[in-house]
């Protein structure tokens, strides 16, 4: 939580005020020494515009960095909403989804997201390389002694 607060460039006093907590109580909370409740985590996430579900998952994933990585895109909140929709749609029939199906579906999602990030980076790099020569003032390809003429 400290990493998120620092990333958001917030002071402990600002977050404590947003959570309606005394400063010292908030400092204990942020350090993991205070009473941790889901309500407090949600209020912290609202105050820092981060993902409360990702904050909760830092413990089982053993990755405090995960909460910071999901702070902007709200990955785990989005996944939780999608799973809630699945629960509403299927209800008791969720029990009929085989573990192998779940593993296959989530493995594909992970691969698709990984490929999306890799291709997004390649797309931007390729696009910039192709389009940068169109910027006014750029030296035309093959021009050796090209000079700017106002």
C-alpha atoms as a PDB file:
ATOM      1  CA  UNK A   1       0.000   0.000   0.000  1.00  0.00           C
ATOM      2  CA  UNK A   2       2.922   2.273   0.638  1.00  0.00           C
ATOM      3  CA  UNK A   3       4.144   1.722  -2.939  1.00  0.00           C
ATOM      4  CA  UNK A   4       0.737   2.738  -4.293  1.00  0.00           C
ATOM      5  CA  UNK A   5       0.614   5.827  -2.084  1.00  0.00           C
ATOM      6  CA  UNK A   6       4.107   6.847  -3.183  1.00  0.00           C
ATOM      7  CA  UNK A   7       3.296   6.157  -6.831  1.00  0.00           C
ATOM      8  CA  UNK A   8       0.282   8.446  -6.468  1.00  0.00           C
ATOM      9  CA  UNK A   9       2.529  11.065  -4.853  1.00  0.00           C
ATOM     10  CA  UNK A  10       0.347  11.262  -1.775  1.00  0.00           C
ATOM     11  CA  UNK A  11       1.461  11.983   1.764  1.00  0.00           C
ATOM     12  CA  UNK A  12       0.395   9.755   4.634  1.00  0.00           C
ATOM     13  CA  UNK A  13      -1.578  12.671   6.058  1.00  0.00           C
ATOM     14  CA  UNK A  14      -3.562  13.022   2.812  1.00  0.00           C
ATOM     15  CA  UNK A  15      -4.530   9.361   2.717  1.00  0.00           C
ATOM     16  CA  UNK A  16      -5.275   9.306   6.457  1.00  0.00           C
ATOM     17  CA  UNK A  17      -7.606  12.276   5.975  1.00  0.00           C
ATOM     18  CA  UNK A  18      -9.319  10.580   3.001  1.00  0.00           C
ATOM     19  CA  UNK A  19      -9.836   7.447   5.110  1.00  0.00           C
ATOM     20  CA  UNK A  20     -11.009   9.544   8.059  1.00  0.00           C
ATOM     21  CA  UNK A  21      -8.302   8.025  10.270  1.00  0.00           C
ATOM     22  CA  UNK A  22      -5.881   9.596  12.686  1.00  0.00           C
ATOM     23  CA  UNK A  23      -2.442   9.842  11.078  1.00  0.00           C
ATOM     24  CA  UNK A  24      -0.795   7.378  13.474  1.00  0.00           C
ATOM     25  CA  UNK A  25      -3.586   4.833  12.942  1.00  0.00           C
ATOM     26  CA  UNK A  26      -3.157   5.125   9.183  1.00  0.00           C
ATOM     27  CA  UNK A  27       0.626   4.712   9.491  1.00  0.00           C
ATOM     28  CA  UNK A  28       0.074   1.462  11.435  1.00  0.00           C
ATOM     29  CA  UNK A  29      -2.503   0.356   8.848  1.00  0.00           C
ATOM     30  CA  UNK A  30      -0.128   1.031   5.945  1.00  0.00           C
ATOM     31  CA  UNK A  31       2.680  -0.819   7.731  1.00  0.00           C
ATOM     32  CA  UNK A  32       0.406  -3.845   8.179  1.00  0.00           C
ATOM     33  CA  UNK A  33       0.234  -3.486  11.950  1.00  0.00           C
ATOM     34  CA  UNK A  34      -3.269  -2.072  12.185  1.00  0.00           C
ATOM     35  CA  UNK A  35      -6.564  -3.895  11.872  1.00  0.00           C
ATOM     36  CA  UNK A  36      -7.023  -4.781   8.204  1.00  0.00           C
ATOM     37  CA  UNK A  37     -10.595  -4.994   6.925  1.00  0.00           C
ATOM     38  CA  UNK A  38     -12.016  -5.206   3.429  1.00  0.00           C
ATOM     39  CA  UNK A  39     -13.805  -1.899   4.020  1.00  0.00           C
ATOM     40  CA  UNK A  40     -10.514  -0.155   4.857  1.00  0.00           C
ATOM     41  CA  UNK A  41      -8.821  -1.643   1.791  1.00  0.00           C
ATOM     42  CA  UNK A  42     -11.675  -0.457  -0.437  1.00  0.00           C
ATOM     43  CA  UNK A  43     -11.533   3.024   1.102  1.00  0.00           C
ATOM     44  CA  UNK A  44      -7.751   3.097   0.585  1.00  0.00           C
ATOM     45  CA  UNK A  45      -8.225   2.034  -3.045  1.00  0.00           C
ATOM     46  CA  UNK A  46     -10.806   4.772  -3.563  1.00  0.00           C
ATOM     47  CA  UNK A  47      -8.498   7.368  -1.998  1.00  0.00           C
ATOM     48  CA  UNK A  48      -5.563   6.269  -4.173  1.00  0.00           C
ATOM     49  CA  UNK A  49      -7.518   5.286  -7.307  1.00  0.00           C
ATOM     50  CA  UNK A  50      -6.161   1.740  -7.147  1.00  0.00           C
ATOM     51  CA  UNK A  51      -7.506  -1.832  -7.281  1.00  0.00           C
ATOM     52  CA  UNK A  52      -8.741  -3.184  -3.918  1.00  0.00           C
ATOM     53  CA  UNK A  53      -8.947  -6.782  -5.155  1.00  0.00           C
ATOM     54  CA  UNK A  54      -5.337  -6.664  -6.369  1.00  0.00           C
ATOM     55  CA  UNK A  55      -4.311  -5.377  -2.941  1.00  0.00           C
ATOM     56  CA  UNK A  56      -5.986  -8.398  -1.331  1.00  0.00           C
ATOM     57  CA  UNK A  57      -4.266 -10.799  -3.730  1.00  0.00           C
ATOM     58  CA  UNK A  58      -0.768  -9.608  -2.857  1.00  0.00           C
ATOM     59  CA  UNK A  59      -0.774 -12.085   0.037  1.00  0.00           C
ATOM     60  CA  UNK A  60      -1.634 -15.350  -1.796  1.00  0.00           C
ATOM     61  CA  UNK A  61       0.429 -14.278  -4.831  1.00  0.00           C
ATOM     62  CA  UNK A  62       3.357 -13.346  -2.556  1.00  0.00           C
ATOM     63  CA  UNK A  63       3.869 -10.257  -4.704  1.00  0.00           C
ATOM     64  CA  UNK A  64       3.343  -6.818  -3.156  1.00  0.00           C
ATOM     65  CA  UNK A  65       4.240  -5.397  -6.585  1.00  0.00           C
ATOM     66  CA  UNK A  66       1.063  -6.942  -8.030  1.00  0.00           C
ATOM     67  CA  UNK A  67      -1.149  -4.298  -6.399  1.00  0.00           C
ATOM     68  CA  UNK A  68       0.901  -1.494  -7.925  1.00  0.00           C
ATOM     69  CA  UNK A  69       0.947  -3.202 -11.334  1.00  0.00           C
ATOM     70  CA  UNK A  70      -2.870  -3.384 -11.303  1.00  0.00           C
ATOM     71  CA  UNK A  71      -3.476   0.039  -9.763  1.00  0.00           C
ATOM     72  CA  UNK A  72      -4.163   1.833 -13.041  1.00  0.00           C
ATOM     73  CA  UNK A  73      -5.858  -0.844 -15.150  1.00  0.00           C
ATOM     74  CA  UNK A  74      -7.913  -2.375 -12.298  1.00  0.00           C
ATOM     75  CA  UNK A  75      -7.210  -5.881 -13.641  1.00  0.00           C
ATOM     76  CA  UNK A  76      -8.501  -7.772 -10.623  1.00  0.00           C
ATOM     77  CA  UNK A  77     -11.590  -5.607 -10.129  1.00  0.00           C
ATOM     78  CA  UNK A  78     -12.486  -6.209 -13.787  1.00  0.00           C
ATOM     79  CA  UNK A  79     -11.900  -9.956 -13.388  1.00  0.00           C
ATOM     80  CA  UNK A  80     -14.022  -9.999 -10.222  1.00  0.00           C
ATOM     81  CA  UNK A  81     -16.870  -8.223 -12.032  1.00  0.00           C
ATOM     82  CA  UNK A  82     -16.629 -10.722 -14.915  1.00  0.00           C
ATOM     83  CA  UNK A  83     -16.707 -13.638 -12.467  1.00  0.00           C
ATOM     84  CA  UNK A  84     -19.714 -12.049 -10.756  1.00  0.00           C
ATOM     85  CA  UNK A  85     -21.476 -11.938 -14.125  1.00  0.00           C
ATOM     86  CA  UNK A  86     -20.598 -15.609 -14.654  1.00  0.00           C
ATOM     87  CA  UNK A  87     -22.075 -16.388 -11.239  1.00  0.00           C
ATOM     88  CA  UNK A  88     -25.279 -14.497 -12.097  1.00  0.00           C
ATOM     89  CA  UNK A  89     -25.534 -16.153 -15.519  1.00  0.00           C
ATOM     90  CA  UNK A  90     -24.823 -19.745 -14.473  1.00  0.00           C
ATOM     91  CA  UNK A  91     -25.731 -19.807 -10.801  1.00  0.00           C
ATOM     92  CA  UNK A  92     -25.555 -23.367  -9.497  1.00  0.00           C
ATOM     93  CA  UNK A  93     -24.480 -24.601 -12.935  1.00  0.00           C
ATOM     94  CA  UNK A  94     -20.987 -23.242 -12.257  1.00  0.00           C
ATOM     95  CA  UNK A  95     -20.282 -26.577 -10.593  1.00  0.00           C
ATOM     96  CA  UNK A  96     -20.562 -28.263 -14.002  1.00  0.00           C
ATOM     97  CA  UNK A  97     -17.546 -26.410 -15.392  1.00  0.00           C
ATOM     98  CA  UNK A  98     -14.726 -28.940 -15.453  1.00  0.00           C
ATOM     99  CA  UNK A  99     -11.337 -27.956 -13.970  1.00  0.00           C
ATOM    100  CA  UNK A 100      -9.663 -28.764 -17.304  1.00  0.00           C
ATOM    101  CA  UNK A 101     -11.972 -26.294 -19.048  1.00  0.00           C
ATOM    102  CA  UNK A 102     -11.136 -23.601 -16.502  1.00  0.00           C
ATOM    103  CA  UNK A 103      -7.405 -24.244 -16.831  1.00  0.00           C
ATOM    104  CA  UNK A 104      -7.661 -24.086 -20.629  1.00  0.00           C
ATOM    105  CA  UNK A 105      -9.729 -20.896 -20.643  1.00  0.00           C
ATOM    106  CA  UNK A 106      -7.549 -19.032 -18.174  1.00  0.00           C
ATOM    107  CA  UNK A 107      -4.342 -20.252 -19.819  1.00  0.00           C
ATOM    108  CA  UNK A 108      -5.611 -18.843 -23.143  1.00  0.00           C
ATOM    109  CA  UNK A 109      -6.533 -15.548 -21.488  1.00  0.00           C
ATOM    110  CA  UNK A 110      -3.039 -15.254 -19.989  1.00  0.00           C
ATOM    111  CA  UNK A 111      -1.436 -16.022 -23.365  1.00  0.00           C
ATOM    112  CA  UNK A 112      -3.745 -13.580 -25.178  1.00  0.00           C
ATOM    113  CA  UNK A 113      -2.957 -10.781 -22.727  1.00  0.00           C
ATOM    114  CA  UNK A 114       0.771 -11.527 -22.909  1.00  0.00           C
ATOM    115  CA  UNK A 115       0.640 -11.456 -26.714  1.00  0.00           C
ATOM    116  CA  UNK A 116      -1.434  -8.269 -26.654  1.00  0.00           C
ATOM    117  CA  UNK A 117       1.211  -6.467 -24.610  1.00  0.00           C
ATOM    118  CA  UNK A 118       4.055  -7.772 -26.786  1.00  0.00           C
ATOM    119  CA  UNK A 119       2.250  -6.874 -30.030  1.00  0.00           C
ATOM    120  CA  UNK A 120       1.209  -3.482 -28.701  1.00  0.00           C
ATOM    121  CA  UNK A 121       4.845  -2.623 -28.120  1.00  0.00           C
ATOM    122  CA  UNK A 122       5.823  -3.882 -31.576  1.00  0.00           C
ATOM    123  CA  UNK A 123       2.923  -2.011 -33.167  1.00  0.00           C
ATOM    124  CA  UNK A 124       3.970   1.300 -31.605  1.00  0.00           C
ATOM    125  CA  UNK A 125       7.614   0.819 -32.554  1.00  0.00           C
ATOM    126  CA  UNK A 126       6.764  -0.165 -36.141  1.00  0.00           C
ATOM    127  CA  UNK A 127       4.267   2.660 -36.486  1.00  0.00           C
ATOM    128  CA  UNK A 128       6.777   5.240 -35.262  1.00  0.00           C
ATOM    129  CA  UNK A 129       9.481   3.948 -37.606  1.00  0.00           C
ATOM    130  CA  UNK A 130       7.143   4.066 -40.601  1.00  0.00           C
ATOM    131  CA  UNK A 131       5.482   7.390 -39.837  1.00  0.00           C
ATOM    132  CA  UNK A 132       8.352   9.447 -38.401  1.00  0.00           C
ATOM    133  CA  UNK A 133       9.626  10.282 -41.891  1.00  0.00           C
ATOM    134  CA  UNK A 134       6.342  12.094 -42.536  1.00  0.00           C
ATOM    135  CA  UNK A 135       7.017  14.647 -39.818  1.00  0.00           C
ATOM    136  CA  UNK A 136       7.669  18.052 -41.352  1.00  0.00           C
ATOM    137  CA  UNK A 137      11.382  18.762 -41.303  1.00  0.00           C
ATOM    138  CA  UNK A 138      12.460  15.138 -41.191  1.00  0.00           C
ATOM    139  CA  UNK A 139      15.335  14.380 -43.543  1.00  0.00           C
ATOM    140  CA  UNK A 140      14.042  12.416 -46.527  1.00  0.00           C
ATOM    141  CA  UNK A 141      15.411   8.899 -46.866  1.00  0.00           C
ATOM    142  CA  UNK A 142      18.607   8.898 -48.934  1.00  0.00           C
ATOM    143  CA  UNK A 143      19.155  12.664 -48.654  1.00  0.00           C
ATOM    144  CA  UNK A 144      22.759  13.258 -47.633  1.00  0.00           C
ATOM    145  CA  UNK A 145      23.151  17.017 -47.435  1.00  0.00           C
ATOM    146  CA  UNK A 146      19.577  17.931 -46.810  1.00  0.00           C
ATOM    147  CA  UNK A 147      19.136  21.260 -45.002  1.00  0.00           C
ATOM    148  CA  UNK A 148      16.209  22.932 -43.393  1.00  0.00           C
ATOM    149  CA  UNK A 149      14.943  25.864 -45.504  1.00  0.00           C
ATOM    150  CA  UNK A 150      12.600  28.223 -43.658  1.00  0.00           C
END
